[in-house]
């Protein structure tokens, strides 16, 4: 099983899903609605309308894996006010989301890439 930090591509679908969907239904959503390849090894995040459940789908060399987390008391801070239907996250943002933080308000410093000191 891979760790969250091992994924370079993490896609969040802002649309709420019917949480009865399993691997087949979610992979179809990835292709048809998100217009992405479910076999590329990325993480795909989905949320229930009640915002207390989250599903994460990914392809793992020989088959799909599906993670699910259900909150017993709180709600996920799902980014509903962003304009794009698919949001690209990094591993830190996913961890923030899973830990209850609002990822739209938490942004790290810009990454700078220099080629020389002077």
N, C-alpha and C. Protein backbone atom coordinates (compact mmCIF):
# COMPACT_ATOMS: atom_id res chain seq x y z
N UNK A 1 0.84 -1.18 0.00
CA UNK A 1 0.00 0.00 0.00
C UNK A 1 0.89 1.24 0.00
N UNK A 2 0.53 2.22 -0.81
CA UNK A 2 1.31 3.44 -0.94
C UNK A 2 0.90 4.48 0.10
N UNK A 3 1.82 5.37 0.39
CA UNK A 3 1.51 6.48 1.29
C UNK A 3 1.01 7.67 0.48
N UNK A 4 0.34 8.58 1.13
CA UNK A 4 -0.19 9.76 0.44
C UNK A 4 0.93 10.55 -0.22
N UNK A 5 2.07 10.67 0.44
CA UNK A 5 3.17 11.47 -0.09
C UNK A 5 3.79 10.86 -1.34
N UNK A 6 3.51 9.59 -1.62
CA UNK A 6 4.07 8.96 -2.81
C UNK A 6 3.29 9.30 -4.08
N UNK A 7 2.15 9.94 -3.94
CA UNK A 7 1.33 10.33 -5.10
C UNK A 7 1.68 11.74 -5.53
N UNK A 8 1.98 11.89 -6.81
CA UNK A 8 2.30 13.22 -7.33
C UNK A 8 1.07 13.90 -7.91
N UNK A 9 0.10 13.13 -8.33
CA UNK A 9 -1.12 13.69 -8.92
C UNK A 9 -2.32 13.34 -8.03
N UNK A 10 -2.98 14.37 -7.52
CA UNK A 10 -4.14 14.19 -6.66
C UNK A 10 -5.24 15.11 -7.18
N UNK A 11 -6.37 14.52 -7.55
CA UNK A 11 -7.48 15.27 -8.14
C UNK A 11 -8.71 15.17 -7.25
N UNK A 12 -9.31 16.30 -6.95
CA UNK A 12 -10.51 16.36 -6.13
C UNK A 12 -11.68 16.77 -7.01
N UNK A 13 -12.74 15.98 -6.98
CA UNK A 13 -13.96 16.33 -7.70
C UNK A 13 -14.84 17.14 -6.75
N UNK A 14 -15.14 18.39 -7.11
CA UNK A 14 -15.96 19.24 -6.24
C UNK A 14 -17.40 18.77 -6.16
N UNK A 15 -17.87 18.06 -7.16
CA UNK A 15 -19.26 17.62 -7.19
C UNK A 15 -19.45 16.50 -6.15
N UNK A 16 -20.56 16.59 -5.43
CA UNK A 16 -20.89 15.52 -4.49
C UNK A 16 -21.35 14.31 -5.28
N UNK A 17 -21.07 13.12 -4.74
CA UNK A 17 -21.42 11.89 -5.45
C UNK A 17 -22.42 11.07 -4.66
N UNK A 18 -23.09 10.18 -5.37
CA UNK A 18 -23.93 9.16 -4.75
C UNK A 18 -22.97 8.18 -4.08
N UNK A 19 -23.01 8.10 -2.78
CA UNK A 19 -22.00 7.32 -2.07
C UNK A 19 -22.21 5.81 -2.17
N UNK A 20 -23.22 5.38 -2.89
CA UNK A 20 -23.37 3.95 -3.17
C UNK A 20 -22.42 3.51 -4.27
N UNK A 21 -21.84 4.48 -4.99
CA UNK A 21 -20.91 4.14 -6.07
C UNK A 21 -19.66 3.48 -5.50
N UNK A 22 -19.24 2.44 -6.19
CA UNK A 22 -18.01 1.75 -5.83
C UNK A 22 -16.94 2.02 -6.86
N UNK A 23 -16.02 1.10 -6.98
CA UNK A 23 -14.89 1.28 -7.89
C UNK A 23 -15.34 1.49 -9.33
N UNK A 24 -16.25 0.68 -9.82
CA UNK A 24 -16.69 0.80 -11.22
C UNK A 24 -17.35 2.15 -11.49
N UNK A 25 -18.25 2.56 -10.62
CA UNK A 25 -18.94 3.84 -10.80
C UNK A 25 -18.01 5.03 -10.68
N UNK A 26 -17.09 4.97 -9.73
CA UNK A 26 -16.16 6.08 -9.54
C UNK A 26 -15.16 6.18 -10.68
N UNK A 27 -14.66 5.04 -11.16
CA UNK A 27 -13.72 5.09 -12.28
C UNK A 27 -14.40 5.62 -13.54
N UNK A 28 -15.67 5.32 -13.71
CA UNK A 28 -16.43 5.87 -14.82
C UNK A 28 -16.58 7.38 -14.69
N UNK A 29 -16.80 7.88 -13.45
CA UNK A 29 -16.87 9.33 -13.22
C UNK A 29 -15.54 10.01 -13.54
N UNK A 30 -14.45 9.35 -13.20
CA UNK A 30 -13.12 9.90 -13.49
C UNK A 30 -12.97 10.11 -14.99
N UNK A 31 -13.37 9.11 -15.78
CA UNK A 31 -13.25 9.21 -17.24
C UNK A 31 -14.25 10.19 -17.84
N UNK A 32 -15.52 10.03 -17.48
CA UNK A 32 -16.58 10.77 -18.16
C UNK A 32 -16.71 12.22 -17.69
N UNK A 33 -16.67 12.45 -16.40
CA UNK A 33 -16.93 13.80 -15.88
C UNK A 33 -15.66 14.59 -15.58
N UNK A 34 -14.65 13.90 -15.04
CA UNK A 34 -13.41 14.60 -14.73
C UNK A 34 -12.48 14.65 -15.94
N UNK A 35 -12.78 13.81 -16.95
CA UNK A 35 -12.01 13.71 -18.19
C UNK A 35 -10.53 13.42 -17.91
N UNK A 36 -10.31 12.44 -17.02
CA UNK A 36 -8.97 12.01 -16.64
C UNK A 36 -8.87 10.50 -16.82
N UNK A 37 -7.66 10.00 -16.81
CA UNK A 37 -7.40 8.57 -16.97
C UNK A 37 -7.33 7.91 -15.59
N UNK A 38 -8.28 7.05 -15.24
CA UNK A 38 -8.25 6.43 -13.91
C UNK A 38 -7.10 5.44 -13.72
N UNK A 39 -6.40 5.08 -14.81
CA UNK A 39 -5.31 4.10 -14.73
C UNK A 39 -3.93 4.75 -14.58
N UNK A 40 -3.86 6.07 -14.44
CA UNK A 40 -2.54 6.72 -14.44
C UNK A 40 -1.85 6.76 -13.08
N UNK A 41 -2.45 6.17 -12.07
CA UNK A 41 -1.81 6.10 -10.76
C UNK A 41 -2.05 7.30 -9.88
N UNK A 42 -2.96 8.18 -10.27
CA UNK A 42 -3.29 9.35 -9.47
C UNK A 42 -4.33 8.99 -8.42
N UNK A 43 -4.46 9.86 -7.42
CA UNK A 43 -5.55 9.75 -6.44
C UNK A 43 -6.72 10.59 -6.92
N UNK A 44 -7.93 10.05 -6.77
CA UNK A 44 -9.15 10.77 -7.14
C UNK A 44 -10.05 10.82 -5.91
N UNK A 45 -10.39 12.03 -5.47
CA UNK A 45 -11.17 12.23 -4.25
C UNK A 45 -12.60 12.59 -4.55
N UNK A 46 -13.52 12.02 -3.75
CA UNK A 46 -14.94 12.25 -3.88
C UNK A 46 -15.54 12.43 -2.49
N UNK A 47 -16.61 13.22 -2.40
CA UNK A 47 -17.23 13.49 -1.10
C UNK A 47 -18.73 13.23 -1.19
N UNK A 48 -19.30 12.84 -0.05
CA UNK A 48 -20.75 12.66 0.03
C UNK A 48 -21.43 14.02 0.19
N UNK A 49 -22.71 14.08 -0.12
CA UNK A 49 -23.45 15.33 -0.01
C UNK A 49 -23.50 15.83 1.43
N UNK A 50 -23.48 14.93 2.38
CA UNK A 50 -23.51 15.31 3.79
C UNK A 50 -22.14 15.75 4.30
N UNK A 51 -21.11 15.62 3.49
CA UNK A 51 -19.73 16.03 3.77
C UNK A 51 -19.11 15.34 4.99
N UNK A 52 -19.64 14.18 5.35
CA UNK A 52 -19.05 13.43 6.46
C UNK A 52 -18.31 12.19 5.99
N UNK A 53 -18.33 11.95 4.67
CA UNK A 53 -17.65 10.79 4.10
C UNK A 53 -16.84 11.21 2.88
N UNK A 54 -15.72 10.54 2.72
CA UNK A 54 -14.85 10.80 1.58
C UNK A 54 -14.38 9.46 1.03
N UNK A 55 -14.28 9.37 -0.31
CA UNK A 55 -13.73 8.18 -0.96
C UNK A 55 -12.55 8.61 -1.81
N UNK A 56 -11.53 7.77 -1.81
CA UNK A 56 -10.32 8.03 -2.60
C UNK A 56 -10.05 6.79 -3.44
N UNK A 57 -10.01 6.98 -4.74
CA UNK A 57 -9.80 5.89 -5.70
C UNK A 57 -8.44 6.04 -6.36
N UNK A 58 -7.76 4.92 -6.58
CA UNK A 58 -6.53 4.94 -7.38
C UNK A 58 -6.25 3.57 -7.96
N UNK A 59 -5.47 3.57 -9.04
CA UNK A 59 -5.02 2.35 -9.70
C UNK A 59 -3.68 1.95 -9.10
N UNK A 60 -3.56 0.70 -8.69
CA UNK A 60 -2.33 0.23 -8.03
C UNK A 60 -1.76 -0.96 -8.79
N UNK A 61 -1.13 -0.73 -9.91
CA UNK A 61 -0.45 -1.72 -10.76
C UNK A 61 -1.31 -2.88 -11.23
N UNK A 62 -2.05 -3.53 -10.35
CA UNK A 62 -2.80 -4.72 -10.75
C UNK A 62 -4.30 -4.61 -10.50
N UNK A 63 -4.74 -3.46 -10.03
CA UNK A 63 -6.16 -3.28 -9.77
C UNK A 63 -6.43 -1.97 -9.06
N UNK A 64 -7.70 -1.63 -8.96
CA UNK A 64 -8.09 -0.40 -8.28
C UNK A 64 -8.10 -0.62 -6.77
N UNK A 65 -7.80 0.45 -6.06
CA UNK A 65 -7.92 0.47 -4.60
C UNK A 65 -8.89 1.60 -4.25
N UNK A 66 -9.66 1.39 -3.22
CA UNK A 66 -10.64 2.39 -2.79
C UNK A 66 -10.52 2.57 -1.29
N UNK A 67 -10.23 3.80 -0.89
CA UNK A 67 -10.18 4.14 0.53
C UNK A 67 -11.44 4.91 0.87
N UNK A 68 -11.90 4.76 2.09
CA UNK A 68 -13.05 5.53 2.55
C UNK A 68 -12.80 5.99 3.97
N UNK A 69 -13.19 7.22 4.25
CA UNK A 69 -13.13 7.73 5.61
C UNK A 69 -14.48 8.32 5.94
N UNK A 70 -14.99 7.97 7.13
CA UNK A 70 -16.27 8.50 7.62
C UNK A 70 -16.00 9.23 8.93
N UNK A 71 -16.47 10.45 9.01
CA UNK A 71 -16.34 11.22 10.24
C UNK A 71 -17.56 10.96 11.12
N UNK A 72 -17.35 10.78 12.38
CA UNK A 72 -18.44 10.49 13.30
C UNK A 72 -19.13 11.75 13.81
N UNK A 73 -18.42 12.88 13.83
CA UNK A 73 -19.01 14.08 14.41
C UNK A 73 -18.89 15.30 13.51
N UNK A 74 -17.77 15.50 12.90
CA UNK A 74 -17.48 16.70 12.12
C UNK A 74 -17.87 16.53 10.65
N UNK A 75 -17.56 17.55 9.85
CA UNK A 75 -17.76 17.54 8.40
C UNK A 75 -16.43 17.90 7.74
N UNK A 76 -16.20 17.38 6.54
CA UNK A 76 -15.04 17.79 5.76
C UNK A 76 -15.27 19.20 5.24
N UNK A 77 -14.24 19.98 5.17
CA UNK A 77 -14.29 21.33 4.61
C UNK A 77 -14.09 21.21 3.10
N UNK A 78 -15.14 20.77 2.41
CA UNK A 78 -15.05 20.51 0.97
C UNK A 78 -15.09 21.82 0.21
N UNK A 79 -14.18 22.04 -0.73
CA UNK A 79 -14.10 23.32 -1.45
C UNK A 79 -15.20 23.48 -2.49
N UNK A 80 -16.32 24.02 -2.07
CA UNK A 80 -17.47 24.15 -2.97
C UNK A 80 -17.52 25.49 -3.71
N UNK A 81 -16.78 26.48 -3.25
CA UNK A 81 -16.87 27.81 -3.85
C UNK A 81 -15.81 28.09 -4.89
N UNK A 82 -15.05 27.09 -5.27
CA UNK A 82 -14.05 27.29 -6.31
C UNK A 82 -14.73 27.09 -7.67
N UNK A 83 -14.19 27.72 -8.71
CA UNK A 83 -14.86 27.69 -10.02
C UNK A 83 -14.65 26.39 -10.78
N UNK A 84 -13.52 25.73 -10.61
CA UNK A 84 -13.23 24.50 -11.35
C UNK A 84 -13.93 23.30 -10.72
N UNK A 85 -14.41 22.38 -11.56
CA UNK A 85 -15.04 21.16 -11.05
C UNK A 85 -14.01 20.17 -10.54
N UNK A 86 -12.80 20.23 -11.08
CA UNK A 86 -11.71 19.36 -10.65
C UNK A 86 -10.59 20.24 -10.11
N UNK A 87 -10.16 19.94 -8.90
CA UNK A 87 -9.12 20.72 -8.25
C UNK A 87 -7.90 19.82 -8.07
N UNK A 88 -6.73 20.35 -8.38
CA UNK A 88 -5.48 19.60 -8.22
C UNK A 88 -4.90 19.94 -6.85
N UNK A 89 -4.61 18.90 -6.08
CA UNK A 89 -4.04 19.07 -4.75
C UNK A 89 -2.64 18.50 -4.70
N UNK A 90 -1.89 18.92 -3.69
CA UNK A 90 -0.64 18.23 -3.40
C UNK A 90 -0.85 17.40 -2.13
N UNK A 91 0.13 16.63 -1.75
CA UNK A 91 0.00 15.72 -0.60
C UNK A 91 -0.29 16.47 0.69
N UNK A 92 0.32 17.64 0.85
CA UNK A 92 0.09 18.42 2.06
C UNK A 92 -1.37 18.88 2.14
N UNK A 93 -1.91 19.34 1.03
CA UNK A 93 -3.31 19.80 1.02
C UNK A 93 -4.26 18.65 1.30
N UNK A 94 -3.98 17.47 0.77
CA UNK A 94 -4.82 16.31 1.05
C UNK A 94 -4.77 15.98 2.54
N UNK A 95 -3.60 16.00 3.13
CA UNK A 95 -3.49 15.73 4.56
C UNK A 95 -4.25 16.78 5.37
N UNK A 96 -4.15 18.06 4.94
CA UNK A 96 -4.91 19.11 5.63
C UNK A 96 -6.41 18.83 5.54
N UNK A 97 -6.89 18.47 4.34
CA UNK A 97 -8.30 18.19 4.15
C UNK A 97 -8.75 17.03 5.03
N UNK A 98 -7.97 15.95 5.05
CA UNK A 98 -8.33 14.78 5.86
C UNK A 98 -8.30 15.08 7.36
N UNK A 99 -7.52 16.09 7.75
CA UNK A 99 -7.43 16.48 9.16
C UNK A 99 -8.39 17.60 9.54
N UNK A 100 -9.26 17.99 8.61
CA UNK A 100 -10.32 18.93 8.95
C UNK A 100 -10.06 20.39 8.63
N UNK A 101 -8.97 20.68 7.93
CA UNK A 101 -8.66 22.06 7.60
C UNK A 101 -9.31 22.47 6.28
N UNK A 102 -9.56 23.76 6.12
CA UNK A 102 -10.11 24.31 4.90
C UNK A 102 -8.95 24.59 3.95
N UNK A 103 -8.81 23.79 2.90
CA UNK A 103 -7.66 23.91 2.01
C UNK A 103 -7.70 25.19 1.17
N UNK A 104 -8.86 25.82 1.05
CA UNK A 104 -8.94 27.05 0.27
C UNK A 104 -8.34 28.23 1.03
N UNK A 105 -8.19 28.10 2.33
CA UNK A 105 -7.63 29.18 3.14
C UNK A 105 -6.20 28.92 3.57
N UNK A 106 -5.73 27.69 3.39
CA UNK A 106 -4.38 27.34 3.82
C UNK A 106 -3.51 27.16 2.58
N UNK A 107 -2.64 28.10 2.36
CA UNK A 107 -1.73 28.02 1.22
C UNK A 107 -0.31 28.23 1.72
N UNK A 108 0.61 27.35 1.37
CA UNK A 108 2.00 27.53 1.78
C UNK A 108 2.67 28.62 0.94
N UNK A 109 3.86 28.96 1.31
CA UNK A 109 4.63 29.92 0.51
C UNK A 109 4.85 29.36 -0.89
N UNK A 110 4.99 30.25 -1.84
CA UNK A 110 5.26 29.85 -3.22
C UNK A 110 6.60 29.12 -3.31
N UNK A 111 6.64 28.04 -4.07
CA UNK A 111 7.90 27.32 -4.28
C UNK A 111 8.72 28.07 -5.32
N UNK A 112 9.95 28.36 -4.95
CA UNK A 112 10.85 29.07 -5.85
C UNK A 112 11.93 28.11 -6.34
N UNK A 113 12.26 28.20 -7.60
CA UNK A 113 13.29 27.34 -8.19
C UNK A 113 14.36 28.23 -8.81
N UNK A 114 15.52 28.24 -8.19
CA UNK A 114 16.65 29.02 -8.68
C UNK A 114 17.70 28.10 -9.29
N UNK A 115 18.45 28.63 -10.21
CA UNK A 115 19.53 27.83 -10.82
C UNK A 115 20.91 28.27 -10.37
N UNK A 116 20.98 29.45 -9.71
CA UNK A 116 22.29 29.93 -9.24
C UNK A 116 22.07 30.82 -8.01
N UNK A 117 23.10 30.93 -7.19
CA UNK A 117 23.04 31.74 -5.99
C UNK A 117 23.19 33.22 -6.31
N UNK A 118 24.08 33.55 -7.22
CA UNK A 118 24.31 34.97 -7.53
C UNK A 118 24.07 35.31 -8.97
